[in-house]
Structure formats: structure tokens, C-alpha cells
Amino acid sequence: MKKFLLIYLLALALHACGYVPMYANNQKVDFYIENIEFDNGDKDLANFIKTNLNNYLVVKDSKKFKIKTSIEYVKNSLSKNSAGETEEYELSSYVIFDVESEGKNLEIKIKETFKMNNFSDEFEELEYERVVKQTMSRSIASKLIIRLSRLNDN
């Protein structure tokens, strides 16, 4: 009984400790993305990146960016067992953003990699790879927004 009471009180105390993510209030951006085009590459990754950038496609009275994107996505075998079957993969995405704003052009390159073990079930492996692509796209989109906000400050 004492253990349950102690766990309950500890959970109650930690619940109201005032934790706030570091960048939670840092959402003020003074720019918008007029349009974003995807030339080639992995369609899933392109859709995930576009979904993550939807909040920045809203027209505002501020600096605007036009972006053309090229994506290279590769799934390489890292290690194989004695039977020649792949045990570990490296998923890597290399994204090039050609950014145009006020007559200036800039190229932003972002690379993300992830190591993944082979699954015995192919469906599970594909679903896990899709989740990894979503995570990569969030990271890529946030890195792009940080770079664009730095450009906007200058």
C-alpha cells in the first residue's frame, strides 16, 4: 500500500513540474513558402516533407520563398550473414533545396541517415521503413525552416 501511495504522489508531483519543450514558444517566423516543387526522388519522402511544411505555405505579408526540391533516397545493405542474407540496412536521404527569394538563389543540402535491422516479415519491414521516412522528413523540414529563418534574419 505504501508503494502505491508513494508512486501516486511521485507521479502527481512530477506531473505539475512545469516542463516545457525548449523550442515550444519559438514558432514566430516572418516568411512563407510560396510554392514547393519536387522534381524527382522518393514520392513518400516528398509527400512527408510537404506535409511537414504545410504550415509555412500560408500566405503572409512577409518574405516569400520559392523552393524546388530534388530527393535521393537509398537503402544500402550494411552487413550480411553467412548465408548472404542482409542483416542490417542503412537508409539515407539526400535532399537538395533550390531556394529563390527576392531574385537571389541559394542551394540548401540536407542529408539524413538511419541504420535499420532486417525484419523476418517483409510487411513489418516496409511499415518500419515508412515510419523512418516520416521521422527523416520531420528532421529535414525542421532543418530547412531553421536555415530559412536564418536567411530571413540577414
Protein backbone atom coordinates (compact mmCIF):
# COMPACT_ATOMS: atom_id res chain seq x y z
CA MET A 1 0.00 0.00 0.00
CA LYS A 2 2.84 2.37 0.85
CA LYS A 3 4.47 1.69 -2.53
CA PHE A 4 1.31 2.57 -4.44
CA LEU A 5 0.84 5.73 -2.39
CA LEU A 6 4.47 6.73 -2.95
CA ILE A 7 4.21 6.10 -6.71
CA TYR A 8 0.98 8.07 -6.90
CA LEU A 9 2.44 11.05 -5.01
CA LEU A 10 5.61 10.96 -7.09
CA ALA A 11 3.60 10.89 -10.32
CA LEU A 12 1.43 13.75 -9.08
CA ALA A 13 4.46 15.84 -8.14
CA LEU A 14 6.22 15.24 -11.46
CA HIS A 15 3.09 15.88 -13.48
CA ALA A 16 2.99 19.52 -12.41
CA CYS A 17 6.71 20.23 -12.55
CA GLY A 18 6.33 22.84 -15.31
CA TYR A 19 8.22 21.08 -18.10
CA VAL A 20 8.00 22.95 -21.41
CA PRO A 21 9.90 21.93 -24.55
CA MET A 22 12.79 24.26 -25.31
CA TYR A 23 11.51 25.46 -28.71
CA ALA A 24 7.78 25.38 -27.90
CA ASN A 25 7.43 29.18 -27.91
CA ASN A 26 9.89 29.74 -30.75
CA GLN A 27 7.32 29.46 -33.56
CA LYS A 28 7.46 33.04 -34.83
CA VAL A 29 8.58 33.02 -38.44
CA ASP A 30 8.43 36.04 -40.67
CA PHE A 31 8.32 34.25 -44.01
CA TYR A 32 6.22 31.86 -46.02
CA ILE A 33 6.82 29.34 -48.77
CA GLU A 34 5.00 30.45 -51.90
CA ASN A 35 5.32 27.05 -53.56
CA ILE A 36 7.42 23.94 -53.30
CA GLU A 37 8.09 21.65 -56.25
CA PHE A 38 9.51 18.15 -56.11
CA ASP A 39 11.45 17.30 -59.28
CA ASN A 40 12.36 13.68 -58.66
CA GLY A 41 13.08 11.14 -55.99
CA ASP A 42 11.15 9.12 -53.45
CA LYS A 43 7.45 10.05 -53.57
CA ASP A 44 6.74 9.00 -49.97
CA LEU A 45 9.55 11.16 -48.61
CA ALA A 46 8.43 14.07 -50.80
CA ASN A 47 4.85 13.81 -49.52
CA PHE A 48 6.01 13.63 -45.90
CA ILE A 49 8.25 16.70 -46.34
CA LYS A 50 5.43 18.65 -47.99
CA THR A 51 3.06 17.70 -45.16
CA ASN A 52 5.58 18.96 -42.59
CA LEU A 53 5.93 22.25 -44.49
CA ASN A 54 2.16 22.87 -44.90
CA ASN A 55 2.10 25.38 -42.02
CA TYR A 56 4.57 27.55 -43.93
CA LEU A 57 2.55 27.58 -47.16
CA VAL A 58 0.10 30.13 -45.71
CA VAL A 59 0.44 33.50 -47.47
CA LYS A 60 1.59 36.31 -45.18
CA ASP A 61 2.81 39.86 -45.63
CA SER A 62 6.43 38.86 -45.27
CA LYS A 63 9.34 37.42 -47.18
CA LYS A 64 8.40 34.63 -49.58
CA PHE A 65 10.42 31.67 -50.81
CA LYS A 66 10.02 29.50 -53.90
CA ILE A 67 11.57 26.09 -53.49
CA LYS A 68 12.47 23.35 -55.96
CA THR A 69 13.43 20.07 -54.38
CA SER A 70 15.39 17.07 -55.51
CA ILE A 71 15.45 13.92 -53.35
CA GLU A 72 17.76 10.93 -53.47
CA TYR A 73 16.76 8.03 -51.22
CA VAL A 74 18.91 4.90 -50.96
CA LYS A 75 18.56 1.67 -48.97
CA ASN A 76 22.00 0.02 -48.78
CA SER A 77 22.94 -3.31 -47.28
CA LEU A 78 25.47 -2.84 -44.46
CA SER A 79 26.04 -6.38 -43.22
CA LYS A 80 25.15 -9.89 -44.32
CA ASN A 81 25.09 -13.20 -42.52
CA SER A 82 26.95 -16.34 -43.65
CA ALA A 83 24.04 -17.30 -45.92
CA GLY A 84 24.33 -13.98 -47.77
CA GLU A 85 21.11 -12.51 -46.37
CA THR A 86 21.14 -8.88 -45.33
CA GLU A 87 21.05 -8.33 -41.57
CA GLU A 88 21.37 -4.54 -41.42
CA TYR A 89 20.47 -1.72 -43.79
CA GLU A 90 21.45 1.93 -43.98
CA LEU A 91 18.65 4.22 -45.09
CA SER A 92 19.94 7.53 -46.38
CA SER A 93 18.18 10.50 -47.89
CA TYR A 94 19.93 13.39 -49.57
CA VAL A 95 17.71 16.38 -50.26
CA ILE A 96 18.70 19.47 -52.26
CA PHE A 97 16.50 22.55 -51.90
CA ASP A 98 16.95 25.27 -54.53
CA VAL A 99 15.57 28.34 -52.78
CA GLU A 100 14.64 31.53 -54.62
CA SER A 101 13.81 34.74 -52.79
CA GLU A 102 13.88 38.33 -53.98
CA GLY A 103 15.93 37.42 -57.04
CA LYS A 104 18.54 35.53 -55.04
CA ASN A 105 19.13 31.81 -55.37
CA LEU A 106 20.52 29.55 -52.68
CA GLU A 107 21.10 25.81 -52.54
CA ILE A 108 20.47 24.04 -49.23
CA LYS A 109 21.64 20.43 -48.92
CA ILE A 110 20.44 18.17 -46.12
CA LYS A 111 21.47 14.56 -45.54
CA GLU A 112 19.85 12.12 -43.10
CA THR A 113 20.91 8.53 -42.42
CA PHE A 114 19.46 5.75 -40.32
CA LYS A 115 20.55 2.16 -39.63
CA MET A 116 17.82 -0.47 -39.61
CA ASN A 117 17.89 -4.19 -38.86
CA ASN A 118 16.35 -6.64 -41.29
CA PHE A 119 12.90 -7.97 -40.34
CA SER A 120 11.75 -11.52 -40.93
CA ASP A 121 8.34 -10.19 -42.00
CA GLU A 122 8.59 -8.04 -45.15
CA PHE A 123 5.36 -6.14 -44.38
CA GLU A 124 6.67 -5.10 -40.95
CA GLU A 125 9.94 -4.01 -42.53
CA LEU A 126 8.14 -1.82 -45.08
CA GLU A 127 5.96 -0.26 -42.37
CA TYR A 128 9.01 0.43 -40.21
CA GLU A 129 10.83 1.95 -43.19
CA ARG A 130 7.80 4.20 -43.75
CA VAL A 131 7.97 5.36 -40.12
CA VAL A 132 11.69 6.07 -40.56
CA LYS A 133 10.89 8.13 -43.67
CA GLN A 134 8.34 10.15 -41.66
CA THR A 135 10.95 10.81 -38.97
CA MET A 136 13.54 11.78 -41.58
CA SER A 137 11.08 14.15 -43.24
CA ARG A 138 10.34 15.89 -39.91
CA SER A 139 14.04 16.37 -39.33
CA ILE A 140 14.65 17.58 -42.89
CA ALA A 141 11.73 20.03 -42.74
CA SER A 142 12.82 21.46 -39.40
CA LYS A 143 16.41 21.90 -40.63
CA LEU A 144 15.09 23.67 -43.72
CA ILE A 145 12.91 26.00 -41.63
CA ILE A 146 15.86 26.85 -39.39
CA ARG A 147 18.01 27.67 -42.43
CA LEU A 148 15.22 29.77 -44.00
CA SER A 149 14.66 31.68 -40.77
CA ARG A 150 18.39 32.43 -40.58
CA LEU A 151 18.26 33.69 -44.18
CA ASN A 152 15.29 35.84 -43.31
CA ASP A 153 17.11 37.40 -40.34
CA ASN A 154 20.00 38.60 -42.54
